[in-house]
């Protein structure tokens, strides 16, 4: 039986379970650039606080997040949180407060109230019910109007899926990939967030989406000589043409993205 989320020992009373901690440079580039584009309004004014939860054994992806978001607003503040004291110590070695800092914390966000929270590859070890509780806890710690971006990716960031949530619940699902890395779009199913991964079965909306996207990918085969990216762009165009609500413009498609409203995949 999976363990329920618990309060880790220590004065911080950090909520959650330690992750494996694996990470690689540039692993989260896809979600970072999506956030900077799709939600730049959250970052554009003042000195917005962004929290990176569960950055792993190396703080490199937190450092990269800060650099990418400073292109939107040089005054953005990024706080990396980890349960493991050694990982926090590794972060402190590269900290540059107040713009970049590290602290011990979990789902309670160590008392921080960010406008944006990135939580990547932290919920895969939980049950679906526990992951839903973690969503509620994290969203409840956001600043008014804040956003949680929660998802998973492979080890080098070529296959990613994430959900954007606010106080009203999930808003969007994004699939992002290097099209050359796919046999078919449904290869991304293994990276669906915990809220969806067990619902990829006939009769469920997310399964219908992936099935339709695979069909569009097959129909876009004549574009293969122009490269996998051109084929992806055509497949997403066909997908939208079949009545699926696709968010974002053609440029996002060229980056290997597909974003849809949450209600079209909600279990």
C-alpha atoms as a PDB file:
ATOM      1  CA  UNK A   1       0.000   0.000   0.000  1.00  0.00           C
ATOM      2  CA  UNK A   2       1.344   3.435  -0.936  1.00  0.00           C
ATOM      3  CA  UNK A   3       2.248   5.639   1.990  1.00  0.00           C
ATOM      4  CA  UNK A   4       0.155   8.699   2.605  1.00  0.00           C
ATOM      5  CA  UNK A   5       1.876  12.083   2.436  1.00  0.00           C
ATOM      6  CA  UNK A   6       3.436  12.887   5.783  1.00  0.00           C
ATOM      7  CA  UNK A   7       5.167  15.688   7.577  1.00  0.00           C
ATOM      8  CA  UNK A   8       8.900  15.206   7.293  1.00  0.00           C
ATOM      9  CA  UNK A   9      10.808  15.401  10.567  1.00  0.00           C
ATOM     10  CA  UNK A  10      12.405  18.639  11.621  1.00  0.00           C
ATOM     11  CA  UNK A  11      11.502  22.163  12.577  1.00  0.00           C
ATOM     12  CA  UNK A  12      10.296  23.070   9.086  1.00  0.00           C
ATOM     13  CA  UNK A  13       7.524  20.467   9.264  1.00  0.00           C
ATOM     14  CA  UNK A  14       7.752  20.115   5.506  1.00  0.00           C
ATOM     15  CA  UNK A  15       4.882  18.212   3.927  1.00  0.00           C
ATOM     16  CA  UNK A  16       5.564  15.402   1.459  1.00  0.00           C
ATOM     17  CA  UNK A  17       7.816  12.477   0.599  1.00  0.00           C
ATOM     18  CA  UNK A  18      11.364  12.774  -0.770  1.00  0.00           C
ATOM     19  CA  UNK A  19      11.723  12.250  -4.514  1.00  0.00           C
ATOM     20  CA  UNK A  20      14.403  10.215  -6.276  1.00  0.00           C
ATOM     21  CA  UNK A  21      16.133  13.496  -7.011  1.00  0.00           C
ATOM     22  CA  UNK A  22      17.257  12.705 -10.555  1.00  0.00           C
ATOM     23  CA  UNK A  23      17.693  15.760 -12.747  1.00  0.00           C
ATOM     24  CA  UNK A  24      19.613  16.986 -15.766  1.00  0.00           C
ATOM     25  CA  UNK A  25      20.532  20.406 -17.129  1.00  0.00           C
ATOM     26  CA  UNK A  26      17.933  21.816 -19.534  1.00  0.00           C
ATOM     27  CA  UNK A  27      15.447  19.099 -18.573  1.00  0.00           C
ATOM     28  CA  UNK A  28      12.601  21.546 -17.887  1.00  0.00           C
ATOM     29  CA  UNK A  29      13.203  23.964 -20.754  1.00  0.00           C
ATOM     30  CA  UNK A  30       9.859  23.163 -22.387  1.00  0.00           C
ATOM     31  CA  UNK A  31       7.701  24.024 -19.409  1.00  0.00           C
ATOM     32  CA  UNK A  32       9.831  27.076 -18.582  1.00  0.00           C
ATOM     33  CA  UNK A  33       9.405  28.662 -22.001  1.00  0.00           C
ATOM     34  CA  UNK A  34       5.677  27.846 -21.971  1.00  0.00           C
ATOM     35  CA  UNK A  35       5.240  29.562 -18.620  1.00  0.00           C
ATOM     36  CA  UNK A  36       7.186  32.604 -19.805  1.00  0.00           C
ATOM     37  CA  UNK A  37       4.927  32.861 -22.849  1.00  0.00           C
ATOM     38  CA  UNK A  38       1.486  31.765 -21.654  1.00  0.00           C
ATOM     39  CA  UNK A  39       1.572  33.342 -18.187  1.00  0.00           C
ATOM     40  CA  UNK A  40       3.922  36.272 -18.521  1.00  0.00           C
ATOM     41  CA  UNK A  41       1.175  38.472 -17.022  1.00  0.00           C
ATOM     42  CA  UNK A  42       1.864  36.843 -13.640  1.00  0.00           C
ATOM     43  CA  UNK A  43       5.523  37.786 -13.889  1.00  0.00           C
ATOM     44  CA  UNK A  44       5.538  41.162 -15.592  1.00  0.00           C
ATOM     45  CA  UNK A  45       4.912  43.500 -12.641  1.00  0.00           C
ATOM     46  CA  UNK A  46       6.765  44.194  -9.401  1.00  0.00           C
ATOM     47  CA  UNK A  47       8.970  41.517  -7.811  1.00  0.00           C
ATOM     48  CA  UNK A  48       6.945  38.329  -8.320  1.00  0.00           C
ATOM     49  CA  UNK A  49       7.852  35.271  -6.259  1.00  0.00           C
ATOM     50  CA  UNK A  50       8.155  31.935  -8.083  1.00  0.00           C
ATOM     51  CA  UNK A  51       8.654  28.655  -6.216  1.00  0.00           C
ATOM     52  CA  UNK A  52      10.323  25.590  -7.723  1.00  0.00           C
ATOM     53  CA  UNK A  53       9.240  22.610  -5.622  1.00  0.00           C
ATOM     54  CA  UNK A  54      11.299  19.414  -5.540  1.00  0.00           C
ATOM     55  CA  UNK A  55      14.210  20.452  -7.764  1.00  0.00           C
ATOM     56  CA  UNK A  56      16.171  17.282  -6.986  1.00  0.00           C
ATOM     57  CA  UNK A  57      19.766  16.411  -6.243  1.00  0.00           C
ATOM     58  CA  UNK A  58      21.085  19.363  -8.250  1.00  0.00           C
ATOM     59  CA  UNK A  59      19.716  22.921  -8.229  1.00  0.00           C
ATOM     60  CA  UNK A  60      20.497  23.374 -11.921  1.00  0.00           C
ATOM     61  CA  UNK A  61      16.887  23.460 -13.160  1.00  0.00           C
ATOM     62  CA  UNK A  62      15.999  26.090 -10.528  1.00  0.00           C
ATOM     63  CA  UNK A  63      18.931  28.228 -11.634  1.00  0.00           C
ATOM     64  CA  UNK A  64      17.775  27.835 -15.246  1.00  0.00           C
ATOM     65  CA  UNK A  65      14.194  28.743 -14.301  1.00  0.00           C
ATOM     66  CA  UNK A  66      15.382  31.985 -12.710  1.00  0.00           C
ATOM     67  CA  UNK A  67      17.440  32.893 -15.788  1.00  0.00           C
ATOM     68  CA  UNK A  68      14.544  32.233 -18.174  1.00  0.00           C
ATOM     69  CA  UNK A  69      11.992  34.164 -16.155  1.00  0.00           C
ATOM     70  CA  UNK A  70      14.295  37.158 -15.770  1.00  0.00           C
ATOM     71  CA  UNK A  71      13.909  37.627 -19.520  1.00  0.00           C
ATOM     72  CA  UNK A  72      10.286  38.505 -18.700  1.00  0.00           C
ATOM     73  CA  UNK A  73      11.034  40.515 -15.550  1.00  0.00           C
ATOM     74  CA  UNK A  74      14.575  41.070 -14.225  1.00  0.00           C
ATOM     75  CA  UNK A  75      13.141  41.495 -10.704  1.00  0.00           C
ATOM     76  CA  UNK A  76      11.554  38.050 -10.477  1.00  0.00           C
ATOM     77  CA  UNK A  77      12.469  36.119  -7.312  1.00  0.00           C
ATOM     78  CA  UNK A  78      12.853  32.325  -7.474  1.00  0.00           C
ATOM     79  CA  UNK A  79      12.840  30.097  -4.402  1.00  0.00           C
ATOM     80  CA  UNK A  80      13.828  26.423  -4.682  1.00  0.00           C
ATOM     81  CA  UNK A  81      12.335  24.059  -2.103  1.00  0.00           C
ATOM     82  CA  UNK A  82      13.452  20.553  -1.182  1.00  0.00           C
ATOM     83  CA  UNK A  83      12.802  18.172   1.713  1.00  0.00           C
ATOM     84  CA  UNK A  84      16.333  16.843   1.792  1.00  0.00           C
ATOM     85  CA  UNK A  85      18.766  18.996   3.779  1.00  0.00           C
ATOM     86  CA  UNK A  86      21.744  18.029   1.593  1.00  0.00           C
ATOM     87  CA  UNK A  87      19.903  19.158  -1.535  1.00  0.00           C
ATOM     88  CA  UNK A  88      19.086  22.461   0.129  1.00  0.00           C
ATOM     89  CA  UNK A  89      22.762  22.872   1.035  1.00  0.00           C
ATOM     90  CA  UNK A  90      23.735  22.256  -2.599  1.00  0.00           C
ATOM     91  CA  UNK A  91      21.306  24.978  -3.606  1.00  0.00           C
ATOM     92  CA  UNK A  92      22.695  27.427  -1.075  1.00  0.00           C
ATOM     93  CA  UNK A  93      26.083  27.142  -2.795  1.00  0.00           C
ATOM     94  CA  UNK A  94      24.670  28.810  -5.914  1.00  0.00           C
ATOM     95  CA  UNK A  95      22.080  31.049  -4.231  1.00  0.00           C
ATOM     96  CA  UNK A  96      21.995  34.753  -5.020  1.00  0.00           C
ATOM     97  CA  UNK A  97      19.284  36.196  -2.777  1.00  0.00           C
ATOM     98  CA  UNK A  98      16.849  37.790  -3.093  1.00  0.00           C
ATOM     99  CA  UNK A  99      16.714  36.854  -6.771  1.00  0.00           C
ATOM    100  CA  UNK A 100      17.543  33.179  -6.205  1.00  0.00           C
ATOM    101  CA  UNK A 101      17.393  31.306  -2.930  1.00  0.00           C
ATOM    102  CA  UNK A 102      16.840  27.815  -1.528  1.00  0.00           C
ATOM    103  CA  UNK A 103      15.010  26.538   1.522  1.00  0.00           C
ATOM    104  CA  UNK A 104      13.722  23.354   3.092  1.00  0.00           C
ATOM    105  CA  UNK A 105      10.052  22.797   2.336  1.00  0.00           C
ATOM    106  CA  UNK A 106       7.350  20.657   0.757  1.00  0.00           C
ATOM    107  CA  UNK A 107       3.723  21.041  -0.270  1.00  0.00           C
ATOM    108  CA  UNK A 108       3.200  23.693   2.404  1.00  0.00           C
ATOM    109  CA  UNK A 109       5.758  25.819   0.457  1.00  0.00           C
ATOM    110  CA  UNK A 110       7.653  26.728   3.638  1.00  0.00           C
ATOM    111  CA  UNK A 111       5.227  29.572   4.247  1.00  0.00           C
ATOM    112  CA  UNK A 112       5.864  31.215   0.858  1.00  0.00           C
ATOM    113  CA  UNK A 113       2.971  32.673  -1.167  1.00  0.00           C
ATOM    114  CA  UNK A 114       4.167  32.581  -4.787  1.00  0.00           C
ATOM    115  CA  UNK A 115       2.339  33.873  -7.825  1.00  0.00           C
ATOM    116  CA  UNK A 116       3.707  30.858  -9.708  1.00  0.00           C
ATOM    117  CA  UNK A 117       4.617  27.390  -8.472  1.00  0.00           C
ATOM    118  CA  UNK A 118       6.401  24.814 -10.604  1.00  0.00           C
ATOM    119  CA  UNK A 119       6.156  21.245  -9.265  1.00  0.00           C
ATOM    120  CA  UNK A 120       7.670  18.815 -11.752  1.00  0.00           C
ATOM    121  CA  UNK A 121       8.260  15.092 -11.311  1.00  0.00           C
ATOM    122  CA  UNK A 122       7.180  15.204  -7.667  1.00  0.00           C
ATOM    123  CA  UNK A 123       3.800  13.418  -7.666  1.00  0.00           C
ATOM    124  CA  UNK A 124       4.520  10.222  -9.593  1.00  0.00           C
ATOM    125  CA  UNK A 125       5.148   8.259  -6.385  1.00  0.00           C
ATOM    126  CA  UNK A 126       1.731   9.183  -4.969  1.00  0.00           C
ATOM    127  CA  UNK A 127      -1.661   7.630  -5.578  1.00  0.00           C
ATOM    128  CA  UNK A 128      -4.177   9.567  -7.625  1.00  0.00           C
ATOM    129  CA  UNK A 129      -6.078  10.492  -4.459  1.00  0.00           C
ATOM    130  CA  UNK A 130      -2.905  11.650  -2.698  1.00  0.00           C
ATOM    131  CA  UNK A 131      -1.889  13.687  -5.739  1.00  0.00           C
ATOM    132  CA  UNK A 132      -5.294  15.410  -5.708  1.00  0.00           C
ATOM    133  CA  UNK A 133      -4.784  16.279  -2.029  1.00  0.00           C
ATOM    134  CA  UNK A 134      -1.351  17.671  -2.865  1.00  0.00           C
ATOM    135  CA  UNK A 135      -2.914  19.836  -5.595  1.00  0.00           C
ATOM    136  CA  UNK A 136      -5.365  21.253  -3.065  1.00  0.00           C
ATOM    137  CA  UNK A 137      -2.620  21.929  -0.532  1.00  0.00           C
ATOM    138  CA  UNK A 138      -0.323  23.651  -3.012  1.00  0.00           C
ATOM    139  CA  UNK A 139      -2.999  25.768  -4.669  1.00  0.00           C
ATOM    140  CA  UNK A 140      -4.149  26.858  -1.211  1.00  0.00           C
ATOM    141  CA  UNK A 141      -0.674  28.316  -0.580  1.00  0.00           C
ATOM    142  CA  UNK A 142      -0.561  30.444  -3.737  1.00  0.00           C
ATOM    143  CA  UNK A 143      -0.870  34.189  -3.738  1.00  0.00           C
ATOM    144  CA  UNK A 144      -4.260  35.499  -4.942  1.00  0.00           C
ATOM    145  CA  UNK A 145      -4.488  34.880  -8.670  1.00  0.00           C
ATOM    146  CA  UNK A 146      -1.522  32.487  -8.507  1.00  0.00           C
ATOM    147  CA  UNK A 147      -0.908  29.456 -10.690  1.00  0.00           C
ATOM    148  CA  UNK A 148       0.421  25.927 -10.119  1.00  0.00           C
ATOM    149  CA  UNK A 149       2.112  24.141 -13.018  1.00  0.00           C
ATOM    150  CA  UNK A 150       2.417  20.427 -12.212  1.00  0.00           C
ATOM    151  CA  UNK A 151       3.639  17.696 -14.518  1.00  0.00           C
ATOM    152  CA  UNK A 152       6.232  15.143 -15.487  1.00  0.00           C
ATOM    153  CA  UNK A 153       8.884  14.678 -18.151  1.00  0.00           C
ATOM    154  CA  UNK A 154      11.464  12.166 -19.251  1.00  0.00           C
ATOM    155  CA  UNK A 155      15.074  12.350 -18.111  1.00  0.00           C
ATOM    156  CA  UNK A 156      16.221  14.741 -20.849  1.00  0.00           C
ATOM    157  CA  UNK A 157      13.046  16.747 -21.318  1.00  0.00           C
ATOM    158  CA  UNK A 158      11.991  15.498 -24.739  1.00  0.00           C
ATOM    159  CA  UNK A 159       8.584  14.235 -23.595  1.00  0.00           C
ATOM    160  CA  UNK A 160       6.579  16.349 -21.157  1.00  0.00           C
ATOM    161  CA  UNK A 161       3.005  16.788 -19.949  1.00  0.00           C
ATOM    162  CA  UNK A 162       1.724  19.332 -17.451  1.00  0.00           C
ATOM    163  CA  UNK A 163      -1.429  20.794 -15.967  1.00  0.00           C
ATOM    164  CA  UNK A 164      -1.953  24.458 -15.050  1.00  0.00           C
ATOM    165  CA  UNK A 165      -4.196  25.013 -12.018  1.00  0.00           C
ATOM    166  CA  UNK A 166      -5.492  28.008 -10.092  1.00  0.00           C
ATOM    167  CA  UNK A 167      -7.914  28.465  -7.218  1.00  0.00           C
ATOM    168  CA  UNK A 168     -10.759  27.334  -9.466  1.00  0.00           C
ATOM    169  CA  UNK A 169      -9.079  24.029 -10.332  1.00  0.00           C
ATOM    170  CA  UNK A 170      -7.269  22.695 -13.422  1.00  0.00           C
ATOM    171  CA  UNK A 171      -7.342  25.016 -16.419  1.00  0.00           C
ATOM    172  CA  UNK A 172      -5.255  23.449 -19.164  1.00  0.00           C
ATOM    173  CA  UNK A 173      -3.303  20.350 -20.183  1.00  0.00           C
ATOM    174  CA  UNK A 174      -0.181  20.725 -22.290  1.00  0.00           C
ATOM    175  CA  UNK A 175       1.658  18.023 -24.206  1.00  0.00           C
ATOM    176  CA  UNK A 176       5.154  19.019 -25.297  1.00  0.00           C
ATOM    177  CA  UNK A 177       7.712  16.944 -27.150  1.00  0.00           C
ATOM    178  CA  UNK A 178      10.546  16.693 -29.601  1.00  0.00           C
ATOM    179  CA  UNK A 179       8.514  15.257 -32.503  1.00  0.00           C
ATOM    180  CA  UNK A 180      11.543  13.373 -33.817  1.00  0.00           C
ATOM    181  CA  UNK A 181      11.501  11.385 -30.573  1.00  0.00           C
ATOM    182  CA  UNK A 182       7.996   9.982 -31.188  1.00  0.00           C
ATOM    183  CA  UNK A 183       6.611   7.025 -33.060  1.00  0.00           C
ATOM    184  CA  UNK A 184       3.177   8.489 -32.384  1.00  0.00           C
ATOM    185  CA  UNK A 185       1.794  11.238 -30.103  1.00  0.00           C
ATOM    186  CA  UNK A 186       0.349   8.619 -27.746  1.00  0.00           C
ATOM    187  CA  UNK A 187       3.945   7.871 -26.718  1.00  0.00           C
ATOM    188  CA  UNK A 188       3.437  10.859 -24.413  1.00  0.00           C
ATOM    189  CA  UNK A 189       0.878   8.891 -22.387  1.00  0.00           C
ATOM    190  CA  UNK A 190       3.615   7.597 -20.078  1.00  0.00           C
ATOM    191  CA  UNK A 191       4.262  11.202 -18.998  1.00  0.00           C
ATOM    192  CA  UNK A 192       0.667  12.165 -18.241  1.00  0.00           C
ATOM    193  CA  UNK A 193       0.204  13.698 -14.785  1.00  0.00           C
ATOM    194  CA  UNK A 194      -1.054  11.459 -12.009  1.00  0.00           C
ATOM    195  CA  UNK A 195      -4.570  12.871 -12.376  1.00  0.00           C
ATOM    196  CA  UNK A 196      -4.796  11.416 -15.904  1.00  0.00           C
ATOM    197  CA  UNK A 197      -2.320   8.601 -16.348  1.00  0.00           C
ATOM    198  CA  UNK A 198      -4.624   5.867 -15.041  1.00  0.00           C
ATOM    199  CA  UNK A 199      -7.502   7.161 -17.167  1.00  0.00           C
ATOM    200  CA  UNK A 200      -5.846   6.500 -20.512  1.00  0.00           C
ATOM    201  CA  UNK A 201      -8.316   3.705 -21.288  1.00  0.00           C
ATOM    202  CA  UNK A 202     -11.215   3.449 -23.764  1.00  0.00           C
ATOM    203  CA  UNK A 203     -14.186   5.491 -22.667  1.00  0.00           C
ATOM    204  CA  UNK A 204     -12.117   8.216 -21.000  1.00  0.00           C
ATOM    205  CA  UNK A 205     -11.601  11.657 -22.519  1.00  0.00           C
ATOM    206  CA  UNK A 206      -7.814  11.668 -22.389  1.00  0.00           C
ATOM    207  CA  UNK A 207      -7.749   8.345 -24.247  1.00  0.00           C
ATOM    208  CA  UNK A 208     -10.046   9.805 -26.901  1.00  0.00           C
ATOM    209  CA  UNK A 209      -7.728  12.793 -27.278  1.00  0.00           C
ATOM    210  CA  UNK A 210      -4.614  10.681 -27.742  1.00  0.00           C
ATOM    211  CA  UNK A 211      -6.402   8.317 -30.130  1.00  0.00           C
ATOM    212  CA  UNK A 212      -7.563  11.247 -32.271  1.00  0.00           C
ATOM    213  CA  UNK A 213      -4.129  12.835 -32.187  1.00  0.00           C
ATOM    214  CA  UNK A 214      -2.550   9.568 -33.325  1.00  0.00           C
ATOM    215  CA  UNK A 215      -5.017   9.442 -36.220  1.00  0.00           C
ATOM    216  CA  UNK A 216      -4.088  12.991 -37.210  1.00  0.00           C
ATOM    217  CA  UNK A 217      -0.383  12.106 -36.963  1.00  0.00           C
ATOM    218  CA  UNK A 218      -0.979   9.209 -39.360  1.00  0.00           C
ATOM    219  CA  UNK A 219      -2.921  11.463 -41.727  1.00  0.00           C
ATOM    220  CA  UNK A 220      -0.034  13.941 -41.647  1.00  0.00           C
ATOM    221  CA  UNK A 221       2.432  11.312 -42.916  1.00  0.00           C
ATOM    222  CA  UNK A 222       2.822  13.100 -46.302  1.00  0.00           C
ATOM    223  CA  UNK A 223       4.554  15.897 -44.376  1.00  0.00           C
ATOM    224  CA  UNK A 224       7.211  13.519 -43.002  1.00  0.00           C
ATOM    225  CA  UNK A 225       9.724  14.375 -45.774  1.00  0.00           C
ATOM    226  CA  UNK A 226       9.719  17.952 -44.434  1.00  0.00           C
ATOM    227  CA  UNK A 227      10.705  16.703 -41.002  1.00  0.00           C
ATOM    228  CA  UNK A 228       8.983  15.572 -37.785  1.00  0.00           C
ATOM    229  CA  UNK A 229       8.289  19.159 -36.698  1.00  0.00           C
ATOM    230  CA  UNK A 230       6.364  19.909 -39.899  1.00  0.00           C
ATOM    231  CA  UNK A 231       4.434  16.698 -39.442  1.00  0.00           C
ATOM    232  CA  UNK A 232       3.547  17.655 -35.840  1.00  0.00           C
ATOM    233  CA  UNK A 233       2.346  21.108 -36.931  1.00  0.00           C
ATOM    234  CA  UNK A 234       0.141  19.533 -39.593  1.00  0.00           C
ATOM    235  CA  UNK A 235      -1.168  16.883 -37.206  1.00  0.00           C
ATOM    236  CA  UNK A 236      -2.170  19.486 -34.619  1.00  0.00           C
ATOM    237  CA  UNK A 237      -3.798  21.532 -37.377  1.00  0.00           C
ATOM    238  CA  UNK A 238      -5.828  18.513 -38.450  1.00  0.00           C
ATOM    239  CA  UNK A 239      -6.680  17.840 -34.827  1.00  0.00           C
ATOM    240  CA  UNK A 240      -8.045  21.362 -34.412  1.00  0.00           C
ATOM    241  CA  UNK A 241      -9.906  20.997 -37.692  1.00  0.00           C
ATOM    242  CA  UNK A 242     -11.747  17.994 -36.291  1.00  0.00           C
ATOM    243  CA  UNK A 243     -13.280  20.184 -33.630  1.00  0.00           C
ATOM    244  CA  UNK A 244     -10.831  19.861 -30.725  1.00  0.00           C
ATOM    245  CA  UNK A 245     -10.223  23.192 -28.928  1.00  0.00           C
ATOM    246  CA  UNK A 246      -6.511  23.918 -29.336  1.00  0.00           C
ATOM    247  CA  UNK A 247      -5.035  26.858 -27.441  1.00  0.00           C
ATOM    248  CA  UNK A 248      -2.034  28.828 -28.625  1.00  0.00           C
ATOM    249  CA  UNK A 249      -0.825  29.807 -32.080  1.00  0.00           C
ATOM    250  CA  UNK A 250       1.130  28.085 -34.832  1.00  0.00           C
ATOM    251  CA  UNK A 251       4.421  29.095 -33.230  1.00  0.00           C
ATOM    252  CA  UNK A 252       3.590  26.982 -30.175  1.00  0.00           C
ATOM    253  CA  UNK A 253       2.904  24.033 -32.460  1.00  0.00           C
ATOM    254  CA  UNK A 254       6.297  24.462 -34.082  1.00  0.00           C
ATOM    255  CA  UNK A 255       7.812  24.076 -30.615  1.00  0.00           C
ATOM    256  CA  UNK A 256       6.185  20.653 -30.336  1.00  0.00           C
ATOM    257  CA  UNK A 257       3.335  21.794 -28.080  1.00  0.00           C
ATOM    258  CA  UNK A 258      -0.356  21.113 -27.841  1.00  0.00           C
ATOM    259  CA  UNK A 259      -2.441  22.822 -25.159  1.00  0.00           C
ATOM    260  CA  UNK A 260      -6.136  22.109 -24.604  1.00  0.00           C
ATOM    261  CA  UNK A 261      -8.671  23.199 -21.991  1.00  0.00           C
ATOM    262  CA  UNK A 262      -8.826  20.839 -19.025  1.00  0.00           C
ATOM    263  CA  UNK A 263     -12.500  20.043 -19.552  1.00  0.00           C
ATOM    264  CA  UNK A 264     -11.765  18.100 -22.739  1.00  0.00           C
ATOM    265  CA  UNK A 265      -9.619  15.578 -20.804  1.00  0.00           C
ATOM    266  CA  UNK A 266     -11.086  15.757 -17.302  1.00  0.00           C
ATOM    267  CA  UNK A 267     -11.777  12.245 -15.897  1.00  0.00           C
END
